[in-house]
């Protein structure tokens, strides 16, 4: 019988495994040789077993068989954007994310022949009338509208208008859409570690839940759909655990407000580790990052083209990015199991540790006045800078490796004449309410030096 298949084998304790490893090390110190510490202050061991779990984990509610491939389209021209979306769907995209720069865009024209396709709208402005227009001409079941006024404040340093006006419009919009989103990607791309990303995502969401708590009855609270926009880095197993921990944390917070404990996660590879030199390596980075997103339980995945940092949108690199996801889904069988990472001792342990550390940081933020207060006091920005500087130092000293950039660079690789976009942080002198959180890639300083010397 299968149930007794391993009965003839004696169980081996963690202590016995450690003793065996220590013997094989021939005198080398176990802790110094085989245990490393992550930037989240998590000590990673060479092996994990059931003793690393306080209790058997529950089966997660992720649906990895249902993740969908998303194509991002910036809407500069309505007709061209509609055609691009339709072609993307014909070539494998299962959802479209439109980035809308202003209110002059005709939604009816933009959505022509996209009736049965899930569509995400990322608006770069705040307008109740525009959202009324979207709702009046589209099937709500397939439309997701990204509204994140705090995310805009954190990224730009200013409200769209002012705190009171933004929150008034935000509440009215959420009543229409029954949804809002949290831009967690900003924190990752600016250099926050994973504990910070998760804690800030939770504190960010909590500001909204506090504001909306009295505006919804028990029935409508269960229909609220919250979307987390997350960036995924190259620390493969940690990133899987990060997304799983995010679901745990959201469920915990949502339960306190008695609202829908399910959330939608949209994942995109991080820009932080992408490079302009040896740019084909970005294909490898984004592939493993998308794998982490699938295994971590993301609902929607928008891949980054390998040349997105320095080149304008083009059909070739966008097709390559889409094909990476198609290969993962249809040729690598990354859509066959709903919860593929469940029960893996290492991933379960990382998930629990990230969740616990993030919850502790979230509670500290709330004790000190909440996320908005700490943004205004520059605490969040300072903490992210500290984390980013630590990571930058690791890159500068070669501890963190980006192949082709700070390890095995190709001296004949010239990029000065290939840059269609400015690939570095742009600074504009303007008055802001708070210090904005700035996204910055690890390789920027090194790349600038190489460009000067070409």
Protein backbone atom coordinates (compact mmCIF):
# COMPACT_ATOMS: atom_id res chain seq x y z
CA UNK A 1 0.00 0.00 0.00
CA UNK A 2 1.20 3.54 -0.78
CA UNK A 3 0.48 4.75 2.75
CA UNK A 4 3.16 2.40 4.10
CA UNK A 5 5.63 2.92 1.29
CA UNK A 6 8.32 4.51 3.49
CA UNK A 7 7.61 2.63 6.73
CA UNK A 8 10.79 0.58 6.40
CA UNK A 9 12.92 3.73 6.47
CA UNK A 10 13.83 5.33 9.79
CA UNK A 11 13.11 9.04 10.10
CA UNK A 12 16.15 11.31 10.33
CA UNK A 13 16.08 14.32 12.64
CA UNK A 14 17.53 17.74 11.82
CA UNK A 15 20.15 17.13 14.51
CA UNK A 16 21.31 13.95 12.78
CA UNK A 17 21.49 15.69 9.40
CA UNK A 18 23.52 18.51 10.91
CA UNK A 19 25.93 16.06 12.59
CA UNK A 20 26.49 14.27 9.28
CA UNK A 21 27.12 17.55 7.47
CA UNK A 22 29.48 18.74 10.20
CA UNK A 23 31.46 15.50 9.85
CA UNK A 24 31.73 15.92 6.07
CA UNK A 25 32.99 19.49 6.46
CA UNK A 26 36.29 18.15 7.83
CA UNK A 27 36.58 20.73 10.59
CA UNK A 28 35.11 23.75 8.80
CA UNK A 29 32.57 25.69 10.80
CA UNK A 30 28.99 24.75 9.86
CA UNK A 31 27.50 28.21 10.53
CA UNK A 32 30.23 30.17 8.73
CA UNK A 33 30.48 27.80 5.77
CA UNK A 34 26.89 26.88 4.96
CA UNK A 35 24.58 29.49 6.50
CA UNK A 36 24.12 32.86 4.80
CA UNK A 37 22.05 35.83 5.87
CA UNK A 38 19.73 37.68 3.53
CA UNK A 39 19.11 41.43 3.51
CA UNK A 40 15.86 40.67 5.35
CA UNK A 41 17.95 39.29 8.25
CA UNK A 42 16.84 35.73 7.53
CA UNK A 43 19.46 33.04 8.10
CA UNK A 44 19.27 30.54 5.24
CA UNK A 45 20.30 27.00 6.14
CA UNK A 46 21.65 24.26 3.83
CA UNK A 47 18.63 22.00 4.45
CA UNK A 48 15.10 22.16 5.84
CA UNK A 49 12.76 19.51 7.17
CA UNK A 50 9.47 19.25 9.06
CA UNK A 51 11.13 20.49 12.27
CA UNK A 52 11.40 23.94 10.66
CA UNK A 53 7.61 24.26 10.71
CA UNK A 54 5.74 24.92 13.94
CA UNK A 55 2.70 23.19 12.48
CA UNK A 56 1.67 21.64 9.20
CA UNK A 57 0.86 24.45 6.73
CA UNK A 58 -2.64 24.83 5.39
CA UNK A 59 -3.25 24.29 1.69
CA UNK A 60 -2.98 27.69 -0.01
CA UNK A 61 -5.84 29.04 -2.10
CA UNK A 62 -3.71 30.10 -5.07
CA UNK A 63 -4.82 29.16 -8.56
CA UNK A 64 -1.60 28.78 -10.55
CA UNK A 65 -3.57 26.96 -13.27
CA UNK A 66 -5.40 30.22 -13.94
CA UNK A 67 -2.63 32.85 -14.17
CA UNK A 68 -2.90 34.93 -17.29
CA UNK A 69 -0.45 36.58 -19.65
CA UNK A 70 -0.80 40.35 -19.78
CA UNK A 71 0.36 42.81 -22.45
CA UNK A 72 1.02 46.40 -21.35
CA UNK A 73 0.07 49.14 -23.81
CA UNK A 74 0.78 52.84 -23.29
CA UNK A 75 -2.00 54.76 -25.00
CA UNK A 76 -0.49 57.61 -27.02
CA UNK A 77 -2.65 56.96 -30.08
CA UNK A 78 -6.07 55.34 -29.62
CA UNK A 79 -6.27 53.55 -32.98
CA UNK A 80 -2.71 52.21 -32.82
CA UNK A 81 -3.14 51.12 -29.20
CA UNK A 82 -6.34 49.22 -30.03
CA UNK A 83 -4.63 47.47 -32.95
CA UNK A 84 -1.64 46.63 -30.79
CA UNK A 85 -3.90 45.14 -28.11
CA UNK A 86 -5.81 43.05 -30.66
CA UNK A 87 -2.58 41.76 -32.24
CA UNK A 88 -1.22 40.92 -28.78
CA UNK A 89 -4.33 38.88 -28.02
CA UNK A 90 -4.04 37.07 -31.36
CA UNK A 91 -0.44 36.21 -30.46
CA UNK A 92 -1.08 34.84 -27.00
CA UNK A 93 -1.86 37.64 -24.56
CA UNK A 94 -4.81 36.83 -22.30
CA UNK A 95 -5.32 40.29 -20.82
CA UNK A 96 -4.37 43.87 -21.63
CA UNK A 97 -3.12 46.65 -19.37
CA UNK A 98 -3.72 50.11 -20.83
CA UNK A 99 -1.75 53.00 -19.35
CA UNK A 100 -3.94 56.10 -19.86
CA UNK A 101 -2.08 59.44 -19.77
CA UNK A 102 -5.04 61.86 -19.94
CA UNK A 103 -8.82 62.23 -20.10
CA UNK A 104 -8.98 62.80 -23.86
CA UNK A 105 -8.75 59.08 -24.56
CA UNK A 106 -11.93 57.56 -26.00
CA UNK A 107 -12.53 54.33 -24.08
CA UNK A 108 -15.15 53.15 -26.57
CA UNK A 109 -12.64 53.25 -29.44
CA UNK A 110 -9.87 51.79 -27.30
CA UNK A 111 -11.94 48.75 -26.29
CA UNK A 112 -13.32 47.99 -29.74
CA UNK A 113 -13.39 44.19 -30.33
CA UNK A 114 -11.92 43.51 -26.87
CA UNK A 115 -15.26 42.53 -25.28
CA UNK A 116 -14.22 39.19 -23.76
CA UNK A 117 -10.67 40.14 -22.74
CA UNK A 118 -9.81 41.20 -19.15
CA UNK A 119 -8.58 44.80 -19.33
CA UNK A 120 -6.66 46.73 -16.69
CA UNK A 121 -6.65 50.52 -16.76
CA UNK A 122 -3.76 52.36 -15.11
CA UNK A 123 -4.79 56.03 -15.01
CA UNK A 124 -2.12 58.71 -14.66
CA UNK A 125 -4.75 61.16 -13.39
CA UNK A 126 -7.72 61.16 -11.01
CA UNK A 127 -11.18 61.64 -12.52
CA UNK A 128 -14.58 60.39 -11.39
CA UNK A 129 -16.16 61.33 -14.74
CA UNK A 130 -13.63 59.34 -16.72
CA UNK A 131 -14.31 56.24 -14.63
CA UNK A 132 -18.05 56.75 -15.06
CA UNK A 133 -17.36 56.75 -18.80
CA UNK A 134 -15.48 53.44 -18.53
CA UNK A 135 -18.25 51.83 -16.49
CA UNK A 136 -20.99 53.05 -18.81
CA UNK A 137 -19.61 51.38 -21.93
CA UNK A 138 -17.92 48.25 -20.68
CA UNK A 139 -18.73 44.96 -19.00
CA UNK A 140 -17.54 45.37 -15.42
CA UNK A 141 -16.65 41.70 -15.13
CA UNK A 142 -13.73 42.20 -17.51
CA UNK A 143 -12.58 45.67 -16.40
CA UNK A 144 -10.11 46.47 -13.60
CA UNK A 145 -9.38 50.12 -12.82
CA UNK A 146 -6.17 50.88 -10.94
CA UNK A 147 -6.71 53.70 -8.45
CA UNK A 148 -3.91 54.42 -5.96
CA UNK A 149 -3.73 58.00 -4.69
CA UNK A 150 -1.19 57.16 -1.99
CA UNK A 151 0.96 55.42 -4.59
CA UNK A 152 0.89 58.62 -6.63
CA UNK A 153 1.91 60.65 -3.56
CA UNK A 154 4.79 58.27 -2.77
CA UNK A 155 6.04 58.27 -6.38
CA UNK A 156 5.66 61.96 -7.27
CA UNK A 157 5.80 63.64 -3.86
CA UNK A 158 2.40 65.28 -4.41
CA UNK A 159 -1.28 64.46 -4.30
CA UNK A 160 -3.19 64.73 -7.57
CA UNK A 161 -4.88 67.79 -5.99
CA UNK A 162 -4.78 67.69 -2.18
CA UNK A 163 -5.37 65.15 0.57
CA UNK A 164 -9.07 65.89 1.15
CA UNK A 165 -9.99 66.17 -2.52
CA UNK A 166 -8.05 63.05 -3.47
CA UNK A 167 -9.64 60.96 -0.72
CA UNK A 168 -13.13 62.25 -1.54
CA UNK A 169 -12.72 61.29 -5.18
CA UNK A 170 -11.06 58.02 -4.20
CA UNK A 171 -14.03 56.99 -2.05
CA UNK A 172 -16.51 57.87 -4.80
CA UNK A 173 -14.52 55.93 -7.37
CA UNK A 174 -14.24 52.86 -5.14
CA UNK A 175 -18.02 52.93 -4.67
CA UNK A 176 -18.33 52.76 -8.46
CA UNK A 177 -15.64 50.19 -9.15
CA UNK A 178 -15.69 48.15 -5.92
CA UNK A 179 -11.90 47.99 -6.23
CA UNK A 180 -8.61 49.73 -5.63
CA UNK A 181 -4.96 48.82 -6.05
CA UNK A 182 -1.67 49.11 -4.17
CA UNK A 183 1.55 49.92 -6.03
CA UNK A 184 4.05 47.71 -4.20
CA UNK A 185 6.39 47.67 -7.23
CA UNK A 186 7.56 51.20 -6.41
CA UNK A 187 9.16 50.05 -3.16
CA UNK A 188 10.99 47.11 -4.78
CA UNK A 189 12.29 49.18 -7.68
CA UNK A 190 13.53 51.84 -5.26
CA UNK A 191 15.55 49.28 -3.28
CA UNK A 192 13.35 48.25 -0.34
CA UNK A 193 14.01 44.76 0.98
CA UNK A 194 11.21 42.19 0.99
CA UNK A 195 10.15 42.73 4.59
CA UNK A 196 9.83 46.44 3.89
CA UNK A 197 7.90 45.81 0.66
CA UNK A 198 5.37 43.61 2.43
CA UNK A 199 5.02 45.83 5.49
CA UNK A 200 4.62 48.97 3.36
CA UNK A 201 2.06 47.21 1.15
CA UNK A 202 0.05 46.32 4.25
CA UNK A 203 0.35 49.78 5.83
CA UNK A 204 -0.44 51.41 2.47
CA UNK A 205 -3.60 49.28 2.17
CA UNK A 206 -4.53 49.95 5.79
CA UNK A 207 -4.75 53.68 5.12
CA UNK A 208 -7.42 52.94 2.52
CA UNK A 209 -9.29 50.49 4.73
CA UNK A 210 -9.42 53.06 7.54
CA UNK A 211 -10.81 55.66 5.13
CA UNK A 212 -13.39 53.30 3.60
CA UNK A 213 -14.45 51.37 6.71
CA UNK A 214 -17.66 53.33 7.35
CA UNK A 215 -18.62 53.68 3.67
CA UNK A 216 -19.45 50.02 3.01
CA UNK A 217 -21.92 47.62 4.60
CA UNK A 218 -21.14 43.99 5.38
CA UNK A 219 -22.40 42.77 2.00
CA UNK A 220 -20.44 45.22 -0.16
CA UNK A 221 -17.29 44.67 1.89
CA UNK A 222 -17.23 41.10 0.60
CA UNK A 223 -17.30 42.27 -3.02
CA UNK A 224 -14.31 44.63 -2.75
CA UNK A 225 -11.47 43.57 -5.06
CA UNK A 226 -8.00 44.67 -4.00
CA UNK A 227 -5.11 44.38 -6.45
CA UNK A 228 -1.45 44.44 -5.45
CA UNK A 229 0.95 45.45 -8.25
CA UNK A 230 4.20 43.73 -7.32
CA UNK A 231 7.70 43.68 -8.81
CA UNK A 232 9.57 40.39 -8.68
CA UNK A 233 13.34 40.19 -8.34
CA UNK A 234 15.88 37.44 -9.02
CA UNK A 235 16.12 35.90 -5.53
CA UNK A 236 14.13 32.94 -6.81
CA UNK A 237 12.80 31.17 -3.70
CA UNK A 238 12.53 34.34 -1.64
CA UNK A 239 10.35 35.93 -4.33
CA UNK A 240 8.05 32.90 -4.37
CA UNK A 241 7.75 33.20 -0.59
CA UNK A 242 7.19 36.98 -0.83
CA UNK A 243 4.03 36.60 -2.89
CA UNK A 244 2.76 33.80 -0.65
CA UNK A 245 3.44 35.93 2.45
CA UNK A 246 1.58 38.85 0.85
CA UNK A 247 -1.57 36.73 0.56
CA UNK A 248 -1.25 35.62 4.18
CA UNK A 249 -0.77 39.18 5.40
CA UNK A 250 -3.64 40.54 3.34
CA UNK A 251 -5.96 37.81 4.61
CA UNK A 252 -5.00 38.69 8.18
CA UNK A 253 -5.60 42.43 7.69
CA UNK A 254 -8.80 42.01 5.66
CA UNK A 255 -10.26 39.72 8.32
CA UNK A 256 -9.96 42.52 10.87
CA UNK A 257 -12.12 44.75 8.65
CA UNK A 258 -14.43 41.85 7.71
CA UNK A 259 -13.86 42.43 4.01
CA UNK A 260 -12.95 40.12 1.14
CA UNK A 261 -9.80 38.24 2.19
CA UNK A 262 -8.92 37.32 -1.40
CA UNK A 263 -6.70 39.66 -3.41
CA UNK A 264 -5.51 39.89 -7.00
CA UNK A 265 -1.73 39.99 -7.54
CA UNK A 266 -0.34 41.46 -10.74
CA UNK A 267 3.38 40.75 -11.04
CA UNK A 268 6.05 42.33 -13.24
CA UNK A 269 9.81 41.67 -13.24
CA UNK A 270 11.80 44.31 -11.40
CA UNK A 271 13.73 47.01 -13.25
CA UNK A 272 16.28 47.26 -10.45
CA UNK A 273 18.60 44.51 -11.76
CA UNK A 274 18.17 45.20 -15.46
CA UNK A 275 21.13 46.42 -17.50
CA UNK A 276 21.84 48.15 -20.81
CA UNK A 277 25.13 46.30 -21.35
CA UNK A 278 24.88 42.61 -22.25
CA UNK A 279 21.14 43.30 -22.45
CA UNK A 280 20.26 39.77 -23.59
CA UNK A 281 20.97 38.66 -20.03
CA UNK A 282 17.79 40.50 -19.12
CA UNK A 283 15.91 37.68 -20.88
CA UNK A 284 17.29 35.20 -18.36
CA UNK A 285 16.51 37.49 -15.44
CA UNK A 286 12.92 38.08 -16.48
CA UNK A 287 12.35 34.37 -17.14
CA UNK A 288 13.28 33.30 -13.60
CA UNK A 289 11.37 36.26 -12.18
CA UNK A 290 8.23 35.25 -14.06
CA UNK A 291 8.72 31.69 -12.83
CA UNK A 292 8.81 32.97 -9.25
CA UNK A 293 5.63 34.93 -9.93
CA UNK A 294 3.79 31.84 -11.18
CA UNK A 295 4.98 29.60 -8.35
CA UNK A 296 4.23 32.34 -5.81
CA UNK A 297 0.63 32.52 -6.97
CA UNK A 298 0.39 35.70 -9.06
CA UNK A 299 -2.91 36.03 -10.92
CA UNK A 300 -1.65 38.19 -13.79
CA UNK A 301 1.90 38.49 -15.11
CA UNK A 302 3.14 41.35 -17.31
CA UNK A 303 6.63 40.60 -18.56
CA UNK A 304 9.24 43.28 -19.27
CA UNK A 305 10.89 43.41 -22.71
CA UNK A 306 14.64 42.86 -22.45
CA UNK A 307 15.38 46.32 -23.90
CA UNK A 308 12.73 48.30 -22.02
CA UNK A 309 15.36 50.33 -20.14
CA UNK A 310 16.95 51.98 -23.17
CA UNK A 311 14.69 51.41 -26.18
CA UNK A 312 11.24 52.59 -27.22
CA UNK A 313 8.44 50.02 -27.34
CA UNK A 314 8.97 47.75 -30.34
CA UNK A 315 7.22 44.69 -31.73
CA UNK A 316 10.25 42.36 -31.58
CA UNK A 317 11.17 42.69 -27.90
CA UNK A 318 7.50 42.75 -26.83
CA UNK A 319 6.94 39.53 -28.79
CA UNK A 320 9.96 37.98 -27.08
CA UNK A 321 8.60 38.97 -23.66
CA UNK A 322 5.19 37.54 -24.46
CA UNK A 323 6.72 34.33 -25.83
CA UNK A 324 8.67 33.82 -22.60
CA UNK A 325 5.35 33.60 -20.79
CA UNK A 326 3.80 31.42 -23.49
CA UNK A 327 6.69 28.97 -23.18
CA UNK A 328 6.36 28.88 -19.40
CA UNK A 329 2.64 28.28 -19.65
CA UNK A 330 2.29 25.90 -22.58
CA UNK A 331 5.65 24.19 -22.91
CA UNK A 332 7.00 24.19 -19.35
CA UNK A 333 3.71 23.15 -17.69
CA UNK A 334 3.58 26.10 -15.32
CA UNK A 335 -0.21 26.00 -15.45
CA UNK A 336 -0.89 22.43 -14.34
CA UNK A 337 -0.96 22.70 -10.52
CA UNK A 338 -2.79 25.27 -8.43
CA UNK A 339 -0.39 25.39 -5.49
CA UNK A 340 2.98 24.04 -6.67
CA UNK A 341 5.04 25.50 -3.83
CA UNK A 342 2.87 24.15 -1.00
CA UNK A 343 4.64 21.81 1.37
CA UNK A 344 8.21 22.68 0.37
CA UNK A 345 9.90 23.06 3.75
CA UNK A 346 12.28 25.79 2.58
CA UNK A 347 9.58 27.89 0.90
CA UNK A 348 7.12 27.38 3.75
CA UNK A 349 9.79 28.46 6.24
CA UNK A 350 10.69 31.55 4.21
CA UNK A 351 7.00 32.43 3.83
CA UNK A 352 6.43 32.28 7.56
CA UNK A 353 9.56 34.27 8.41
CA UNK A 354 8.81 37.01 5.86
CA UNK A 355 5.21 37.24 7.05
CA UNK A 356 6.19 37.44 10.72
CA UNK A 357 8.90 40.05 10.19
CA UNK A 358 6.66 42.12 7.92
CA UNK A 359 3.77 41.99 10.37
CA UNK A 360 6.08 43.21 13.15
CA UNK A 361 7.23 46.14 10.98
CA UNK A 362 3.63 46.92 9.98
CA UNK A 363 2.61 47.07 13.65
CA UNK A 364 5.53 49.41 14.35
CA UNK A 365 4.39 51.71 11.52
CA UNK A 366 0.86 51.78 12.92
CA UNK A 367 2.09 52.48 16.45
CA UNK A 368 3.98 55.47 15.08
CA UNK A 369 1.03 57.07 13.33
CA UNK A 370 0.57 55.02 10.18
CA UNK A 371 1.95 54.97 6.66
CA UNK A 372 0.94 58.49 5.56
CA UNK A 373 2.40 60.06 8.68
CA UNK A 374 5.69 58.21 8.19
CA UNK A 375 5.79 59.26 4.53
CA UNK A 376 5.37 62.89 5.55
CA UNK A 377 8.07 62.54 8.22
CA UNK A 378 10.39 60.99 5.59
CA UNK A 379 10.76 57.80 7.65
CA UNK A 380 9.68 55.44 4.85
CA UNK A 381 11.95 57.16 2.31
CA UNK A 382 14.91 57.05 4.70
CA UNK A 383 14.45 53.34 5.44
CA UNK A 384 14.21 52.49 1.74
CA UNK A 385 17.36 54.52 1.04
CA UNK A 386 19.23 52.62 3.76
CA UNK A 387 18.20 49.32 2.21
CA UNK A 388 19.01 50.54 -1.32
CA UNK A 389 22.44 51.81 -0.26
CA UNK A 390 23.24 48.46 1.35
CA UNK A 391 22.25 46.65 -1.85
CA UNK A 392 24.20 49.14 -3.96
CA UNK A 393 27.32 48.54 -1.87
CA UNK A 394 26.91 44.78 -2.37
CA UNK A 395 26.77 45.36 -6.14
CA UNK A 396 29.72 47.79 -6.12
CA UNK A 397 31.91 45.31 -4.23
CA UNK A 398 30.90 42.37 -6.41
CA UNK A 399 28.96 40.55 -3.68
CA UNK A 400 25.82 40.99 -5.79
CA UNK A 401 26.57 39.98 -9.38
CA UNK A 402 24.93 41.17 -12.58
CA UNK A 403 26.52 39.10 -15.31
CA UNK A 404 27.92 41.16 -18.17
CA UNK A 405 27.96 44.30 -16.04
CA UNK A 406 30.03 43.91 -12.89
CA UNK A 407 31.09 40.34 -13.71
CA UNK A 408 32.57 39.20 -17.06
CA UNK A 409 31.76 42.44 -18.92
CA UNK A 410 32.32 42.45 -22.66
CA UNK A 411 34.82 45.31 -23.30
CA UNK A 412 33.67 45.51 -26.93
CA UNK A 413 30.05 46.05 -25.98
CA UNK A 414 29.15 49.62 -27.04
CA UNK A 415 25.78 51.17 -26.25
CA UNK A 416 26.16 54.94 -26.73
CA UNK A 417 24.52 54.89 -30.16
CA UNK A 418 21.80 52.41 -29.14
CA UNK A 419 20.06 54.54 -26.51
CA UNK A 420 16.61 55.63 -27.65
CA UNK A 421 15.54 56.39 -24.08
CA UNK A 422 17.49 57.98 -21.24
CA UNK A 423 18.16 54.95 -19.02
CA UNK A 424 19.10 56.74 -15.79
CA UNK A 425 17.28 58.55 -13.00
CA UNK A 426 15.94 61.89 -14.22
CA UNK A 427 15.88 64.80 -11.77
CA UNK A 428 13.50 67.73 -12.10
CA UNK A 429 13.65 70.63 -9.68
CA UNK A 430 10.11 71.19 -8.46
CA UNK A 431 8.26 71.76 -5.24
CA UNK A 432 6.82 68.64 -3.62
CA UNK A 433 4.82 68.01 -0.48
CA UNK A 434 7.03 65.10 0.54
CA UNK A 435 10.27 63.60 -0.76
CA UNK A 436 9.28 61.20 -3.57
CA UNK A 437 10.43 57.58 -3.55
CA UNK A 438 12.81 57.27 -6.51
CA UNK A 439 13.26 54.09 -8.52
CA UNK A 440 16.88 53.41 -9.42
CA UNK A 441 18.72 50.53 -11.05
CA UNK A 442 21.82 49.02 -9.44
CA UNK A 443 23.97 49.33 -12.57
CA UNK A 444 23.35 53.03 -13.32
CA UNK A 445 26.60 54.55 -12.02
CA UNK A 446 28.75 51.84 -13.57
CA UNK A 447 26.94 52.17 -16.89
CA UNK A 448 27.37 55.93 -16.95
CA UNK A 449 31.13 55.50 -16.50
CA UNK A 450 31.29 52.95 -19.32
CA UNK A 451 29.32 55.23 -21.65
CA UNK A 452 31.76 58.08 -20.98
CA UNK A 453 34.69 55.86 -21.89
CA UNK A 454 33.29 54.43 -25.12
